[in-house]
Amino acid sequence: YGSVPGLKVLAPYDSEDARGLMKAAIRDPDPVIFLENELLYGTAFPVTPQVLDKDFLLPIGKAKIMRPGKHITLVSFSKMVGFCLKAAEELAAVGIEAEERTLPDAYMASPPG
């Protein structure tokens, strides 16, 4: 879907992404596809009071830093964010500080063209 011109494809990782991006998708004037990974349905994620606010939105097209780091950057979306966060923990154990960024928009990962 990410290669279709004008179509926005969202693939959230956690509850914050799902809530903020779904509300942004509904309000967006352009067509949006919202992909949920069903393997994440049983996973519990922390939710802050800010996320529960009725006006909470996440901007479409902006990456989110899930873990700060200075040696290497891991970039992923949807379920793979969890694997990258685990990899960052393992790298931290050997002294490598890995930054993890999530791309909530799958079209951000595809080359322009």
C-alpha atoms as a PDB file:
ATOM      1  CA  TYR A   1       0.000   0.000   0.000  1.00  0.00           C
ATOM      2  CA  GLY A   2       2.889   2.366   0.713  1.00  0.00           C
ATOM      3  CA  SER A   3       3.710   2.779  -2.964  1.00  0.00           C
ATOM      4  CA  VAL A   4       0.279   4.159  -3.909  1.00  0.00           C
ATOM      5  CA  PRO A   5       0.575   7.914  -4.528  1.00  0.00           C
ATOM      6  CA  GLY A   6      -1.504   9.999  -2.144  1.00  0.00           C
ATOM      7  CA  LEU A   7      -2.321   7.102   0.174  1.00  0.00           C
ATOM      8  CA  LYS A   8      -1.102   7.246   3.771  1.00  0.00           C
ATOM      9  CA  VAL A   9      -0.433   3.921   5.472  1.00  0.00           C
ATOM     10  CA  LEU A  10      -0.227   3.889   9.271  1.00  0.00           C
ATOM     11  CA  ALA A  11       1.102   0.958  11.305  1.00  0.00           C
ATOM     12  CA  PRO A  12       1.085   1.716  15.058  1.00  0.00           C
ATOM     13  CA  TYR A  13       3.144  -0.131  17.649  1.00  0.00           C
ATOM     14  CA  ASP A  14       1.680   0.679  21.054  1.00  0.00           C
ATOM     15  CA  SER A  15      -1.527   2.031  22.585  1.00  0.00           C
ATOM     16  CA  GLU A  16      -0.300   5.613  22.341  1.00  0.00           C
ATOM     17  CA  ASP A  17       0.403   5.265  18.625  1.00  0.00           C
ATOM     18  CA  ALA A  18      -2.901   3.501  17.978  1.00  0.00           C
ATOM     19  CA  ARG A  19      -5.038   6.120  19.729  1.00  0.00           C
ATOM     20  CA  GLY A  20      -3.192   9.194  18.468  1.00  0.00           C
ATOM     21  CA  LEU A  21      -2.807   8.007  14.898  1.00  0.00           C
ATOM     22  CA  MET A  22      -6.364   6.688  14.573  1.00  0.00           C
ATOM     23  CA  LYS A  23      -7.749  10.071  15.597  1.00  0.00           C
ATOM     24  CA  ALA A  24      -5.340  11.811  13.201  1.00  0.00           C
ATOM     25  CA  ALA A  25      -6.354   9.425  10.386  1.00  0.00           C
ATOM     26  CA  ILE A  26     -10.042  10.151  10.911  1.00  0.00           C
ATOM     27  CA  ARG A  27      -9.386  13.889  10.718  1.00  0.00           C
ATOM     28  CA  ASP A  28      -7.033  13.700   7.740  1.00  0.00           C
ATOM     29  CA  PRO A  29      -8.591  14.839   4.442  1.00  0.00           C
ATOM     30  CA  ASP A  30      -6.505  12.340   2.452  1.00  0.00           C
ATOM     31  CA  PRO A  31      -7.153   8.574   2.239  1.00  0.00           C
ATOM     32  CA  VAL A  32      -5.516   6.640   5.068  1.00  0.00           C
ATOM     33  CA  ILE A  33      -5.065   2.901   5.636  1.00  0.00           C
ATOM     34  CA  PHE A  34      -4.628   1.912   9.274  1.00  0.00           C
ATOM     35  CA  LEU A  35      -2.840  -1.439   9.710  1.00  0.00           C
ATOM     36  CA  GLU A  36      -2.941  -3.165  13.077  1.00  0.00           C
ATOM     37  CA  ASN A  37      -0.757  -6.154  13.824  1.00  0.00           C
ATOM     38  CA  GLU A  38      -3.096  -8.627  15.504  1.00  0.00           C
ATOM     39  CA  LEU A  39      -0.157 -10.228  17.327  1.00  0.00           C
ATOM     40  CA  LEU A  40       0.062  -7.039  19.424  1.00  0.00           C
ATOM     41  CA  TYR A  41      -3.563  -7.230  20.634  1.00  0.00           C
ATOM     42  CA  GLY A  42      -2.708  -9.130  23.833  1.00  0.00           C
ATOM     43  CA  THR A  43       0.291  -6.950  24.690  1.00  0.00           C
ATOM     44  CA  ALA A  44      -0.082  -4.473  27.568  1.00  0.00           C
ATOM     45  CA  PHE A  45       1.466  -1.041  27.089  1.00  0.00           C
ATOM     46  CA  PRO A  46       1.729   1.786  29.631  1.00  0.00           C
ATOM     47  CA  VAL A  47      -0.768   4.599  29.039  1.00  0.00           C
ATOM     48  CA  THR A  48      -0.217   8.094  30.423  1.00  0.00           C
ATOM     49  CA  PRO A  49      -3.019  10.519  31.325  1.00  0.00           C
ATOM     50  CA  GLN A  50      -1.917  12.646  28.348  1.00  0.00           C
ATOM     51  CA  VAL A  51      -2.831   9.815  25.966  1.00  0.00           C
ATOM     52  CA  LEU A  52      -6.302   9.554  27.510  1.00  0.00           C
ATOM     53  CA  ASP A  53      -7.020  13.243  26.887  1.00  0.00           C
ATOM     54  CA  LYS A  54      -9.839  13.728  24.360  1.00  0.00           C
ATOM     55  CA  ASP A  55      -7.662  16.087  22.298  1.00  0.00           C
ATOM     56  CA  PHE A  56      -4.638  13.750  22.080  1.00  0.00           C
ATOM     57  CA  LEU A  57      -3.328  13.363  18.506  1.00  0.00           C
ATOM     58  CA  LEU A  58      -0.074  12.179  16.984  1.00  0.00           C
ATOM     59  CA  PRO A  59       1.121  13.862  13.807  1.00  0.00           C
ATOM     60  CA  ILE A  60       1.100  11.710  10.690  1.00  0.00           C
ATOM     61  CA  GLY A  61       4.526  11.600   9.058  1.00  0.00           C
ATOM     62  CA  LYS A  62       6.683  12.196  12.143  1.00  0.00           C
ATOM     63  CA  ALA A  63       8.968   9.543  13.614  1.00  0.00           C
ATOM     64  CA  LYS A  64       8.961   9.018  17.381  1.00  0.00           C
ATOM     65  CA  ILE A  65      12.082   8.303  19.436  1.00  0.00           C
ATOM     66  CA  MET A  66      11.263   5.288  21.604  1.00  0.00           C
ATOM     67  CA  ARG A  67      14.721   5.051  23.176  1.00  0.00           C
ATOM     68  CA  PRO A  68      17.515   7.642  23.049  1.00  0.00           C
ATOM     69  CA  GLY A  69      21.017   6.608  22.046  1.00  0.00           C
ATOM     70  CA  LYS A  70      24.181   7.989  20.501  1.00  0.00           C
ATOM     71  CA  HIS A  71      26.067   5.172  18.756  1.00  0.00           C
ATOM     72  CA  ILE A  72      23.557   3.612  16.356  1.00  0.00           C
ATOM     73  CA  THR A  73      19.956   4.177  15.256  1.00  0.00           C
ATOM     74  CA  LEU A  74      17.444   1.362  14.801  1.00  0.00           C
ATOM     75  CA  VAL A  75      14.377   2.240  12.716  1.00  0.00           C
ATOM     76  CA  SER A  76      11.224   0.120  12.593  1.00  0.00           C
ATOM     77  CA  PHE A  77       7.434   0.164  12.595  1.00  0.00           C
ATOM     78  CA  SER A  78       4.556  -1.879  14.010  1.00  0.00           C
ATOM     79  CA  LYS A  79       5.538  -5.137  15.755  1.00  0.00           C
ATOM     80  CA  MET A  80       9.222  -4.814  14.854  1.00  0.00           C
ATOM     81  CA  VAL A  81       9.556  -1.876  17.273  1.00  0.00           C
ATOM     82  CA  GLY A  82       9.416  -4.352  20.153  1.00  0.00           C
ATOM     83  CA  PHE A  83      12.190  -6.461  18.645  1.00  0.00           C
ATOM     84  CA  CYS A  84      14.340  -3.363  18.095  1.00  0.00           C
ATOM     85  CA  LEU A  85      13.803  -2.260  21.700  1.00  0.00           C
ATOM     86  CA  LYS A  86      14.976  -5.699  22.880  1.00  0.00           C
ATOM     87  CA  ALA A  87      17.967  -5.496  20.556  1.00  0.00           C
ATOM     88  CA  ALA A  88      18.788  -2.042  21.967  1.00  0.00           C
ATOM     89  CA  GLU A  89      18.759  -3.518  25.477  1.00  0.00           C
ATOM     90  CA  GLU A  90      21.173  -6.254  24.410  1.00  0.00           C
ATOM     91  CA  LEU A  91      23.435  -3.690  22.735  1.00  0.00           C
ATOM     92  CA  ALA A  92      23.379  -1.580  25.904  1.00  0.00           C
ATOM     93  CA  ALA A  93      24.681  -4.602  27.827  1.00  0.00           C
ATOM     94  CA  VAL A  94      27.855  -4.497  25.711  1.00  0.00           C
ATOM     95  CA  GLY A  95      28.239  -0.708  25.872  1.00  0.00           C
ATOM     96  CA  ILE A  96      26.512   0.357  22.651  1.00  0.00           C
ATOM     97  CA  GLU A  97      23.820   3.013  23.098  1.00  0.00           C
ATOM     98  CA  ALA A  98      21.214   2.377  20.411  1.00  0.00           C
ATOM     99  CA  GLU A  99      18.520   4.885  19.562  1.00  0.00           C
ATOM    100  CA  GLU A 100      15.215   3.336  18.496  1.00  0.00           C
ATOM    101  CA  ARG A 101      12.901   5.328  16.248  1.00  0.00           C
ATOM    102  CA  THR A 102       9.473   4.178  15.220  1.00  0.00           C
ATOM    103  CA  LEU A 103       7.998   5.041  11.851  1.00  0.00           C
ATOM    104  CA  PRO A 104       4.250   5.090  12.428  1.00  0.00           C
ATOM    105  CA  ASP A 105       3.773   5.634   8.695  1.00  0.00           C
ATOM    106  CA  ALA A 106       4.742   2.706   6.498  1.00  0.00           C
ATOM    107  CA  TYR A 107       4.991   5.040   3.515  1.00  0.00           C
ATOM    108  CA  MET A 108       7.889   6.816   5.236  1.00  0.00           C
ATOM    109  CA  ALA A 109       9.904   3.608   4.836  1.00  0.00           C
ATOM    110  CA  SER A 110       9.361   3.313   1.109  1.00  0.00           C
ATOM    111  CA  PRO A 111      11.622   5.191  -1.309  1.00  0.00           C
ATOM    112  CA  PRO A 112      10.163   8.217  -3.080  1.00  0.00           C
ATOM    113  CA  GLY A 113       9.333   7.643  -6.659  1.00  0.00           C
END
